[in-house]
């Protein structure tokens, strides 16, 4: 999984980039191209704002997927009243089923799916064990 940047840190960097571009005497679009004064600077700032808004929406969508009820019992396929031994045996059985080494000879998409499933199984086991 790829780690996503913090939207607040991204916002700080984009504001800094916009200010530097606004102050810097050279422009991406020269003034003789028909855009008077600082209009091109405002267009670049609007582009950075659009970029930030899209990234923030993507981050919130990913966060809402993670915030959905993660049920470790459903991932391991056991009842909430399961004993430690039942949790451990269910974990081992599910890992044998989805371990990435078991699907190394299969296609890339199946390998990626197996990796995601094994990470979910690991997460569920960590939550129930601790």
Foldseek 3Di string as FASTA:
>chain_A
DDDADDLVVLVVVLVVVLVCQQPDPDHPDDCVVPPHDCPRSVVVNVVSVVVSVVSVVVVVVVVVVVVPDLDLCVLLVHDPVDDPVSLVVSLVVQCVVLPLVVCVVPDPVSSVVSVVSNVSSVVSSVVVVD
